[in-house]
C-alpha atoms as a PDB file:
ATOM      1  CA  CYS A   1       0.000   0.041   0.031  1.00  0.00           C
ATOM      2  CA  GLU A   2       1.217   3.464  -0.625  1.00  0.00           C
ATOM      3  CA  ARG A   3       2.972   5.335   2.216  1.00  0.00           C
ATOM      4  CA  PRO A   4       0.439   8.174   2.509  1.00  0.00           C
ATOM      5  CA  ALA A   5      -2.430   5.744   3.111  1.00  0.00           C
ATOM      6  CA  VAL A   6      -0.308   3.845   5.769  1.00  0.00           C
ATOM      7  CA  GLN A   7       0.812   6.933   7.432  1.00  0.00           C
ATOM      8  CA  GLY A   8      -2.810   8.280   7.537  1.00  0.00           C
ATOM      9  CA  GLN A   9      -3.864   5.145   9.352  1.00  0.00           C
ATOM     10  CA  LEU A  10      -1.009   5.411  11.745  1.00  0.00           C
ATOM     11  CA  HIS A  11      -2.116   9.021  12.608  1.00  0.00           C
ATOM     12  CA  ARG A  12      -5.602   7.717  13.022  1.00  0.00           C
ATOM     13  CA  ILE A  13      -4.477   5.243  15.606  1.00  0.00           C
ATOM     14  CA  GLN A  14      -2.524   8.032  17.318  1.00  0.00           C
ATOM     15  CA  ARG A  15      -5.552  10.290  17.525  1.00  0.00           C
ATOM     16  CA  ARG A  16      -7.607   7.408  19.073  1.00  0.00           C
ATOM     17  CA  VAL A  17      -5.095   6.324  21.692  1.00  0.00           C
ATOM     18  CA  GLY A  18      -2.921   9.323  22.176  1.00  0.00           C
ATOM     19  CA  SER A  19       0.684  10.299  21.212  1.00  0.00           C
ATOM     20  CA  GLU A  20       1.977   8.955  24.552  1.00  0.00           C
ATOM     21  CA  ARG A  21       0.958   5.447  23.672  1.00  0.00           C
ATOM     22  CA  PHE A  22       1.524   5.607  19.946  1.00  0.00           C
ATOM     23  CA  PRO A  23       4.058   8.269  19.137  1.00  0.00           C
ATOM     24  CA  VAL A  24       4.075   8.682  15.361  1.00  0.00           C
ATOM     25  CA  VAL A  25       6.441  11.302  14.090  1.00  0.00           C
ATOM     26  CA  ALA A  26       4.691  14.457  12.617  1.00  0.00           C
ATOM     27  CA  GLN A  27       4.516  14.431   8.887  1.00  0.00           C
ATOM     28  CA  HIS A  28       3.407  16.585   5.925  1.00  0.00           C
ATOM     29  CA  PHE A  29       2.158  14.940   2.717  1.00  0.00           C
ATOM     30  CA  ALA A  30       2.545  16.809  -0.441  1.00  0.00           C
ATOM     31  CA  SER A  31       0.883  15.403  -3.589  1.00  0.00           C
ATOM     32  CA  SER A  32       3.130  17.483  -5.855  1.00  0.00           C
ATOM     33  CA  HIS A  33       5.799  20.145  -5.893  1.00  0.00           C
ATOM     34  CA  SER A  34       3.021  22.951  -5.791  1.00  0.00           C
ATOM     35  CA  ALA A  35       1.509  21.380  -2.590  1.00  0.00           C
ATOM     36  CA  LEU A  36       4.867  21.258  -0.720  1.00  0.00           C
ATOM     37  CA  MET A  37       4.366  23.891   1.976  1.00  0.00           C
ATOM     38  CA  TYR A  38       6.405  22.492   4.822  1.00  0.00           C
ATOM     39  CA  GLY A  39       5.697  24.209   8.176  1.00  0.00           C
ATOM     40  CA  TYR A  40       7.665  22.082  10.769  1.00  0.00           C
ATOM     41  CA  THR A  41      11.264  22.506  11.816  1.00  0.00           C
ATOM     42  CA  PHE A  42      14.517  22.192  10.049  1.00  0.00           C
ATOM     43  CA  PRO A  43      16.411  20.098   9.425  1.00  0.00           C
ATOM     44  CA  ALA A  44      13.837  17.962   7.806  1.00  0.00           C
ATOM     45  CA  VAL A  45      13.730  14.600   5.941  1.00  0.00           C
ATOM     46  CA  VAL A  46      11.983  14.311   2.611  1.00  0.00           C
ATOM     47  CA  LYS A  47      10.938  10.818   1.362  1.00  0.00           C
ATOM     48  CA  VAL A  48       9.898  10.725  -2.381  1.00  0.00           C
ATOM     49  CA  GLY A  49       7.211   8.380  -3.576  1.00  0.00           C
ATOM     50  CA  SER A  50       7.503   4.841  -2.264  1.00  0.00           C
ATOM     51  CA  ALA A  51      11.060   5.464  -0.905  1.00  0.00           C
ATOM     52  CA  HIS A  52      12.327   2.587   1.235  1.00  0.00           C
ATOM     53  CA  ALA A  53      15.512   1.092   2.503  1.00  0.00           C
ATOM     54  CA  GLY A  54      17.151   4.554   2.617  1.00  0.00           C
ATOM     55  CA  ALA A  55      16.695   5.263  -1.103  1.00  0.00           C
ATOM     56  CA  GLY A  56      14.687   8.327  -2.142  1.00  0.00           C
ATOM     57  CA  LYS A  57      15.308  10.159   1.212  1.00  0.00           C
ATOM     58  CA  MET A  58      17.330  13.197   1.837  1.00  0.00           C
ATOM     59  CA  MET A  59      17.952  15.604   4.690  1.00  0.00           C
ATOM     60  CA  ILE A  60      17.002  19.285   4.074  1.00  0.00           C
ATOM     61  CA  THR A  61      18.781  21.717   6.407  1.00  0.00           C
ATOM     62  CA  ASP A  62      16.835  24.940   5.666  1.00  0.00           C
ATOM     63  CA  HIS A  63      14.092  26.587   3.612  1.00  0.00           C
ATOM     64  CA  HIS A  64      16.653  27.308   0.877  1.00  0.00           C
ATOM     65  CA  GLN A  65      17.381  23.569   0.276  1.00  0.00           C
ATOM     66  CA  MET A  66      13.623  22.914   0.534  1.00  0.00           C
ATOM     67  CA  SER A  67      13.108  25.359  -2.385  1.00  0.00           C
ATOM     68  CA  ASP A  68      15.850  23.538  -4.408  1.00  0.00           C
ATOM     69  CA  PHE A  69      14.248  20.129  -3.555  1.00  0.00           C
ATOM     70  CA  ARG A  70      10.806  21.486  -4.628  1.00  0.00           C
ATOM     71  CA  SER A  71      12.205  22.262  -8.097  1.00  0.00           C
ATOM     72  CA  ILE A  72      13.540  18.638  -8.321  1.00  0.00           C
ATOM     73  CA  LEU A  73      10.221  17.328  -7.322  1.00  0.00           C
ATOM     74  CA  GLN A  74       8.606  19.372 -10.101  1.00  0.00           C
ATOM     75  CA  MET A  75      10.593  17.247 -12.524  1.00  0.00           C
ATOM     76  CA  MET A  76       8.720  14.144 -11.275  1.00  0.00           C
ATOM     77  CA  PRO A  77       5.108  15.174 -11.785  1.00  0.00           C
ATOM     78  CA  LYS A  78       3.687  11.718 -10.849  1.00  0.00           C
ATOM     79  CA  GLU A  79       5.448  11.596  -7.493  1.00  0.00           C
ATOM     80  CA  HIS A  80       4.422  12.716  -4.116  1.00  0.00           C
ATOM     81  CA  CYS A  81       6.562  13.195  -1.075  1.00  0.00           C
ATOM     82  CA  MET A  82       6.418  13.022   2.775  1.00  0.00           C
ATOM     83  CA  VAL A  83       8.295  15.568   4.860  1.00  0.00           C
ATOM     84  CA  GLU A  84       9.100  15.177   8.611  1.00  0.00           C
ATOM     85  CA  PRO A  85      11.257  16.865  11.126  1.00  0.00           C
ATOM     86  CA  PHE A  86      14.791  15.354  11.312  1.00  0.00           C
ATOM     87  CA  ILE A  87      15.352  13.363  14.511  1.00  0.00           C
ATOM     88  CA  GLN A  88      18.935  12.673  15.395  1.00  0.00           C
ATOM     89  CA  GLY A  89      18.786   8.996  16.168  1.00  0.00           C
ATOM     90  CA  GLN A  90      20.643   7.049  18.890  1.00  0.00           C
ATOM     91  CA  ALA A  91      19.281   3.847  17.304  1.00  0.00           C
ATOM     92  CA  ASP A  92      16.503   2.402  15.254  1.00  0.00           C
ATOM     93  CA  LEU A  93      13.970  -0.080  16.485  1.00  0.00           C
ATOM     94  CA  ARG A  94      12.159  -2.625  14.366  1.00  0.00           C
ATOM     95  CA  ILE A  95       9.190  -4.457  15.904  1.00  0.00           C
ATOM     96  CA  GLN A  96       8.209  -7.547  13.806  1.00  0.00           C
ATOM     97  CA  LYS A  97       4.860  -9.283  13.962  1.00  0.00           C
ATOM     98  CA  ILE A  98       4.266 -12.542  11.989  1.00  0.00           C
ATOM     99  CA  GLY A  99       0.884 -13.924  13.076  1.00  0.00           C
ATOM    100  CA  GLU A 100       1.183 -14.287  16.858  1.00  0.00           C
ATOM    101  CA  HIS A 101       5.031 -14.320  16.791  1.00  0.00           C
ATOM    102  CA  TYR A 102       6.873 -11.175  17.722  1.00  0.00           C
ATOM    103  CA  ARG A 103      10.539 -10.024  17.583  1.00  0.00           C
ATOM    104  CA  ALA A 104      12.195  -6.732  18.494  1.00  0.00           C
ATOM    105  CA  PHE A 105      15.507  -5.513  16.958  1.00  0.00           C
ATOM    106  CA  ARG A 106      17.781  -2.536  17.785  1.00  0.00           C
ATOM    107  CA  ARG A 107      20.041  -1.166  15.048  1.00  0.00           C
ATOM    108  CA  GLN A 108      22.946   1.206  15.543  1.00  0.00           C
ATOM    109  CA  GLY A 109      24.735   2.810  12.665  1.00  0.00           C
ATOM    110  CA  ILE A 110      28.511   2.740  12.855  1.00  0.00           C
ATOM    111  CA  SER A 111      29.444   4.456   9.622  1.00  0.00           C
ATOM    112  CA  GLY A 112      28.400   7.910  10.645  1.00  0.00           C
ATOM    113  CA  GLU A 113      25.422   8.127   8.152  1.00  0.00           C
ATOM    114  CA  TRP A 114      22.360   9.819   9.481  1.00  0.00           C
ATOM    115  CA  LYS A 115      20.344   6.957   7.929  1.00  0.00           C
ATOM    116  CA  THR A 116      21.223   3.923  10.010  1.00  0.00           C
ATOM    117  CA  ASN A 117      19.640   1.543   7.459  1.00  0.00           C
ATOM    118  CA  THR A 118      22.400   2.415   4.917  1.00  0.00           C
ATOM    119  CA  GLY A 119      26.081   1.977   5.378  1.00  0.00           C
ATOM    120  CA  CYS A 120      27.370  -0.181   8.276  1.00  0.00           C
ATOM    121  CA  SER A 121      25.309  -0.924  11.309  1.00  0.00           C
ATOM    122  CA  ILE A 122      24.932  -3.467  14.082  1.00  0.00           C
ATOM    123  CA  MET A 123      21.544  -5.100  14.498  1.00  0.00           C
ATOM    124  CA  GLU A 124      20.705  -7.133  17.556  1.00  0.00           C
ATOM    125  CA  GLU A 125      17.625  -8.920  18.735  1.00  0.00           C
ATOM    126  CA  ILE A 126      16.317  -7.454  22.003  1.00  0.00           C
ATOM    127  CA  GLU A 127      13.517  -8.311  24.391  1.00  0.00           C
ATOM    128  CA  LEU A 128      10.090  -7.223  23.313  1.00  0.00           C
ATOM    129  CA  CYS A 129       8.468  -4.770  25.812  1.00  0.00           C
ATOM    130  CA  ASP A 130       4.660  -4.335  26.183  1.00  0.00           C
ATOM    131  CA  ARG A 131       4.745  -0.856  24.605  1.00  0.00           C
ATOM    132  CA  TRP A 132       6.256  -2.266  21.381  1.00  0.00           C
ATOM    133  CA  ARG A 133       3.812  -5.139  21.296  1.00  0.00           C
ATOM    134  CA  PHE A 134       0.915  -2.524  21.649  1.00  0.00           C
ATOM    135  CA  TRP A 135       2.397  -0.759  18.599  1.00  0.00           C
ATOM    136  CA  ALA A 136       2.502  -3.916  16.486  1.00  0.00           C
ATOM    137  CA  ASP A 137      -0.939  -5.032  17.601  1.00  0.00           C
ATOM    138  CA  SER A 138      -2.398  -1.596  16.846  1.00  0.00           C
ATOM    139  CA  ALA A 139      -0.732  -1.422  13.496  1.00  0.00           C
ATOM    140  CA  ALA A 140      -1.988  -4.931  12.645  1.00  0.00           C
ATOM    141  CA  GLU A 141      -5.682  -3.633  12.739  1.00  0.00           C
ATOM    142  CA  ILE A 142      -5.115  -1.306   9.734  1.00  0.00           C
ATOM    143  CA  PHE A 143      -6.730  -2.024   6.395  1.00  0.00           C
ATOM    144  CA  GLY A 144      -8.944  -4.848   7.946  1.00  0.00           C
ATOM    145  CA  GLY A 145      -5.945  -6.664   9.406  1.00  0.00           C
ATOM    146  CA  LEU A 146      -2.268  -7.376   8.701  1.00  0.00           C
ATOM    147  CA  ASP A 147      -0.710 -10.747   9.572  1.00  0.00           C
ATOM    148  CA  ILE A 148       2.781  -9.757   8.703  1.00  0.00           C
ATOM    149  CA  LEU A 149       4.243  -6.356   9.607  1.00  0.00           C
ATOM    150  CA  THR A 150       7.156  -4.412  11.018  1.00  0.00           C
ATOM    151  CA  VAL A 151       6.880  -1.163  12.929  1.00  0.00           C
ATOM    152  CA  ASP A 152      10.018   0.964  12.384  1.00  0.00           C
ATOM    153  CA  ALA A 153      10.855   3.579  15.058  1.00  0.00           C
ATOM    154  CA  ILE A 154      13.744   5.840  15.928  1.00  0.00           C
ATOM    155  CA  VAL A 155      15.231   6.422  19.404  1.00  0.00           C
ATOM    156  CA  GLU A 156      16.072  10.083  19.750  1.00  0.00           C
ATOM    157  CA  GLU A 157      19.630  10.788  20.793  1.00  0.00           C
ATOM    158  CA  GLY A 158      19.834  12.631  24.119  1.00  0.00           C
ATOM    159  CA  THR A 159      16.283  12.112  25.255  1.00  0.00           C
ATOM    160  CA  GLY A 160      15.791   8.386  24.551  1.00  0.00           C
ATOM    161  CA  GLN A 161      12.203   9.212  23.190  1.00  0.00           C
ATOM    162  CA  GLU A 162      10.965   6.726  20.687  1.00  0.00           C
ATOM    163  CA  HIS A 163       9.080   7.977  17.523  1.00  0.00           C
ATOM    164  CA  ILE A 164       7.219   5.562  15.143  1.00  0.00           C
ATOM    165  CA  LEU A 165       8.470   6.343  11.548  1.00  0.00           C
ATOM    166  CA  GLU A 166       6.512   3.760   9.469  1.00  0.00           C
ATOM    167  CA  VAL A 167       4.847   0.423   9.146  1.00  0.00           C
ATOM    168  CA  ASN A 168       5.845  -2.057   6.526  1.00  0.00           C
ATOM    169  CA  GLY A 169       3.598  -5.034   5.443  1.00  0.00           C
ATOM    170  CA  THR A 170       4.749  -8.048   3.614  1.00  0.00           C
ATOM    171  CA  SER A 171       7.689  -6.240   2.153  1.00  0.00           C
ATOM    172  CA  SER A 172       9.363  -6.266   5.543  1.00  0.00           C
ATOM    173  CA  GLY A 173      12.803  -7.943   5.374  1.00  0.00           C
ATOM    174  CA  LEU A 174      13.613 -10.660   7.716  1.00  0.00           C
ATOM    175  CA  HIS A 175      16.803 -10.646   9.838  1.00  0.00           C
ATOM    176  CA  PRO A 176      19.311 -13.058   8.367  1.00  0.00           C
ATOM    177  CA  ASP A 177      19.878 -14.751  11.704  1.00  0.00           C
ATOM    178  CA  CYS A 178      16.156 -15.476  12.077  1.00  0.00           C
ATOM    179  CA  GLU A 179      15.046 -15.865   8.518  1.00  0.00           C
ATOM    180  CA  GLU A 180      14.722 -19.659   8.477  1.00  0.00           C
ATOM    181  CA  GLU A 181      12.581 -19.729  11.606  1.00  0.00           C
ATOM    182  CA  ASP A 182      10.489 -16.669  10.602  1.00  0.00           C
ATOM    183  CA  ASN A 183       9.850 -18.131   7.141  1.00  0.00           C
ATOM    184  CA  GLY A 184       8.357 -21.133   9.112  1.00  0.00           C
ATOM    185  CA  TYR A 185       5.977 -18.770  10.818  1.00  0.00           C
ATOM    186  CA  ILE A 186       4.981 -17.188   7.535  1.00  0.00           C
END
Protein backbone atom coordinates (compact mmCIF):
# COMPACT_ATOMS: atom_id res chain seq x y z
CA CYS A 1 0.00 0.00 0.00
CA GLU A 2 1.18 3.55 -0.63
CA ARG A 3 3.01 5.32 2.19
CA PRO A 4 0.48 8.19 2.54
CA ALA A 5 -2.39 5.73 3.11
CA VAL A 6 -0.39 3.80 5.72
CA GLN A 7 0.76 6.99 7.46
CA GLY A 8 -2.83 8.25 7.52
CA GLN A 9 -3.90 5.05 9.28
CA LEU A 10 -1.05 5.40 11.80
CA HIS A 11 -2.08 8.98 12.59
CA ARG A 12 -5.69 7.79 13.00
CA ILE A 13 -4.49 5.28 15.63
CA GLN A 14 -2.47 8.04 17.31
CA ARG A 15 -5.54 10.30 17.53
CA ARG A 16 -7.56 7.43 19.01
CA VAL A 17 -5.09 6.23 21.68
CA GLY A 18 -2.91 9.33 22.15
CA SER A 19 0.63 10.26 21.20
CA GLU A 20 2.02 8.97 24.51
CA ARG A 21 0.94 5.41 23.65
CA PHE A 22 1.46 5.61 19.88
CA PRO A 23 4.11 8.27 19.12
CA VAL A 24 4.04 8.70 15.33
CA VAL A 25 6.44 11.35 14.03
CA ALA A 26 4.72 14.49 12.69
CA GLN A 27 4.54 14.42 8.88
CA HIS A 28 3.46 16.56 5.97
CA PHE A 29 2.12 14.96 2.78
CA ALA A 30 2.57 16.81 -0.51
CA SER A 31 0.86 15.41 -3.58
CA SER A 32 3.13 17.48 -5.85
CA HIS A 33 5.77 20.20 -5.83
CA SER A 34 3.09 22.89 -5.74
CA ALA A 35 1.53 21.35 -2.60
CA LEU A 36 4.85 21.25 -0.75
CA MET A 37 4.37 23.90 1.94
CA TYR A 38 6.35 22.49 4.86
CA GLY A 39 5.69 24.19 8.20
CA TYR A 40 7.61 22.10 10.73
CA THR A 41 11.20 22.55 11.89
CA PHE A 42 14.51 22.18 10.07
CA PRO A 43 16.44 20.08 9.51
CA ALA A 44 13.80 17.92 7.85
CA VAL A 45 13.72 14.62 5.96
CA VAL A 46 11.96 14.27 2.61
CA LYS A 47 10.87 10.88 1.31
CA VAL A 48 9.90 10.74 -2.37
CA GLY A 49 7.19 8.37 -3.59
CA SER A 50 7.49 4.86 -2.23
CA ALA A 51 11.00 5.47 -0.86
CA HIS A 52 12.31 2.59 1.25
CA ALA A 53 15.56 1.11 2.54
CA GLY A 54 17.15 4.56 2.62
CA ALA A 55 16.65 5.26 -1.10
CA GLY A 56 14.67 8.32 -2.14
CA LYS A 57 15.29 10.10 1.18
CA MET A 58 17.35 13.16 1.92
CA MET A 59 17.95 15.61 4.72
CA ILE A 60 17.01 19.24 4.10
CA THR A 61 18.75 21.73 6.40
CA ASP A 62 16.81 24.92 5.69
CA HIS A 63 14.13 26.59 3.56
CA HIS A 64 16.67 27.32 0.78
CA GLN A 65 17.39 23.61 0.30
CA MET A 66 13.66 22.91 0.50
CA SER A 67 13.14 25.33 -2.39
CA ASP A 68 15.81 23.49 -4.39
CA PHE A 69 14.20 20.16 -3.55
CA ARG A 70 10.79 21.48 -4.64
CA SER A 71 12.26 22.23 -8.10
CA ILE A 72 13.56 18.64 -8.32
CA LEU A 73 10.14 17.28 -7.31
CA GLN A 74 8.64 19.40 -10.10
CA MET A 75 10.61 17.25 -12.57
CA MET A 76 8.75 14.16 -11.25
CA PRO A 77 5.11 15.16 -11.81
CA LYS A 78 3.69 11.74 -10.85
CA GLU A 79 5.50 11.58 -7.50
CA HIS A 80 4.38 12.71 -4.08
CA CYS A 81 6.55 13.20 -1.02
CA MET A 82 6.38 13.05 2.74
CA VAL A 83 8.31 15.53 4.90
CA GLU A 84 9.03 15.15 8.59
CA PRO A 85 11.28 16.83 11.15
CA PHE A 86 14.75 15.27 11.30
CA ILE A 87 15.33 13.33 14.52
CA GLN A 88 18.94 12.64 15.41
CA GLY A 89 18.86 8.93 16.12
CA GLN A 90 20.69 7.06 18.83
CA ALA A 91 19.32 3.83 17.31
CA ASP A 92 16.48 2.40 15.23
CA LEU A 93 13.91 -0.08 16.44
CA ARG A 94 12.14 -2.68 14.33
CA ILE A 95 9.21 -4.50 15.87
CA GLN A 96 8.23 -7.54 13.80
CA LYS A 97 4.91 -9.36 13.99
CA ILE A 98 4.24 -12.53 12.00
CA GLY A 99 0.89 -13.92 13.07
CA GLU A 100 1.21 -14.29 16.84
CA HIS A 101 5.04 -14.35 16.79
CA TYR A 102 6.88 -11.15 17.73
CA ARG A 103 10.50 -10.01 17.60
CA ALA A 104 12.22 -6.73 18.45
CA PHE A 105 15.50 -5.49 16.96
CA ARG A 106 17.74 -2.55 17.74
CA ARG A 107 20.04 -1.19 15.02
CA GLN A 108 22.89 1.24 15.59
CA GLY A 109 24.76 2.83 12.74
CA ILE A 110 28.54 2.68 12.90
CA SER A 111 29.39 4.43 9.63
CA GLY A 112 28.41 7.95 10.63
CA GLU A 113 25.46 8.11 8.21
CA TRP A 114 22.31 9.82 9.47
CA LYS A 115 20.31 6.97 7.90
CA THR A 116 21.15 3.94 10.03
CA ASN A 117 19.64 1.58 7.46
CA THR A 118 22.38 2.47 4.98
CA GLY A 119 26.09 2.04 5.41
CA CYS A 120 27.34 -0.16 8.23
CA SER A 121 25.27 -0.92 11.29
CA ILE A 122 24.94 -3.42 14.08
CA MET A 123 21.53 -5.04 14.49
CA GLU A 124 20.70 -7.14 17.53
CA GLU A 125 17.58 -8.89 18.70
CA ILE A 126 16.32 -7.46 21.99
CA GLU A 127 13.54 -8.33 24.41
CA LEU A 128 10.09 -7.18 23.30
CA CYS A 129 8.45 -4.80 25.77
CA ASP A 130 4.69 -4.34 26.20
CA ARG A 131 4.76 -0.86 24.63
CA TRP A 132 6.21 -2.20 21.38
CA ARG A 133 3.79 -5.14 21.34
CA PHE A 134 0.98 -2.59 21.62
CA TRP A 135 2.40 -0.72 18.61
CA ALA A 136 2.50 -3.90 16.51
CA ASP A 137 -0.95 -5.04 17.61
CA SER A 138 -2.43 -1.60 16.89
CA ALA A 139 -0.78 -1.43 13.45
CA ALA A 140 -2.01 -4.95 12.69
CA GLU A 141 -5.59 -3.59 12.75
CA ILE A 142 -5.18 -1.27 9.75
CA PHE A 143 -6.75 -2.08 6.39
CA GLY A 144 -8.89 -4.82 7.89
CA GLY A 145 -5.93 -6.61 9.48
CA LEU A 146 -2.28 -7.38 8.72
CA ASP A 147 -0.77 -10.77 9.55
CA ILE A 148 2.81 -9.75 8.68
CA LEU A 149 4.24 -6.34 9.55
CA THR A 150 7.11 -4.40 11.00
CA VAL A 151 6.94 -1.15 12.93
CA ASP A 152 10.02 1.00 12.39
CA ALA A 153 10.87 3.59 15.03
CA ILE A 154 13.77 5.83 15.94
CA VAL A 155 15.20 6.41 19.41
CA GLU A 156 16.08 10.09 19.73
CA GLU A 157 19.64 10.82 20.79
CA GLY A 158 19.88 12.65 24.09
CA THR A 159 16.27 12.10 25.18
CA GLY A 160 15.73 8.39 24.50
CA GLN A 161 12.25 9.23 23.19
CA GLU A 162 10.89 6.74 20.68
CA HIS A 163 9.10 7.92 17.53
CA ILE A 164 7.25 5.61 15.12
CA LEU A 165 8.42 6.32 11.57
CA GLU A 166 6.48 3.80 9.50
CA VAL A 167 4.86 0.41 9.21
CA ASN A 168 5.78 -2.08 6.50
CA GLY A 169 3.61 -5.00 5.48
CA THR A 170 4.72 -8.12 3.64
CA SER A 171 7.66 -6.21 2.13
CA SER A 172 9.33 -6.29 5.56
CA GLY A 173 12.72 -7.91 5.32
CA LEU A 174 13.64 -10.69 7.71
CA HIS A 175 16.79 -10.60 9.84
CA PRO A 176 19.29 -13.07 8.30
CA ASP A 177 19.92 -14.78 11.66
CA CYS A 178 16.17 -15.44 12.12
CA GLU A 179 15.11 -15.86 8.48
CA GLU A 180 14.69 -19.64 8.46
CA GLU A 181 12.60 -19.69 11.65
CA ASP A 182 10.51 -16.67 10.58
CA ASN A 183 9.82 -18.17 7.15
CA GLY A 184 8.36 -21.11 9.08
CA TYR A 185 5.96 -18.73 10.86
CA ILE A 186 4.99 -17.20 7.52
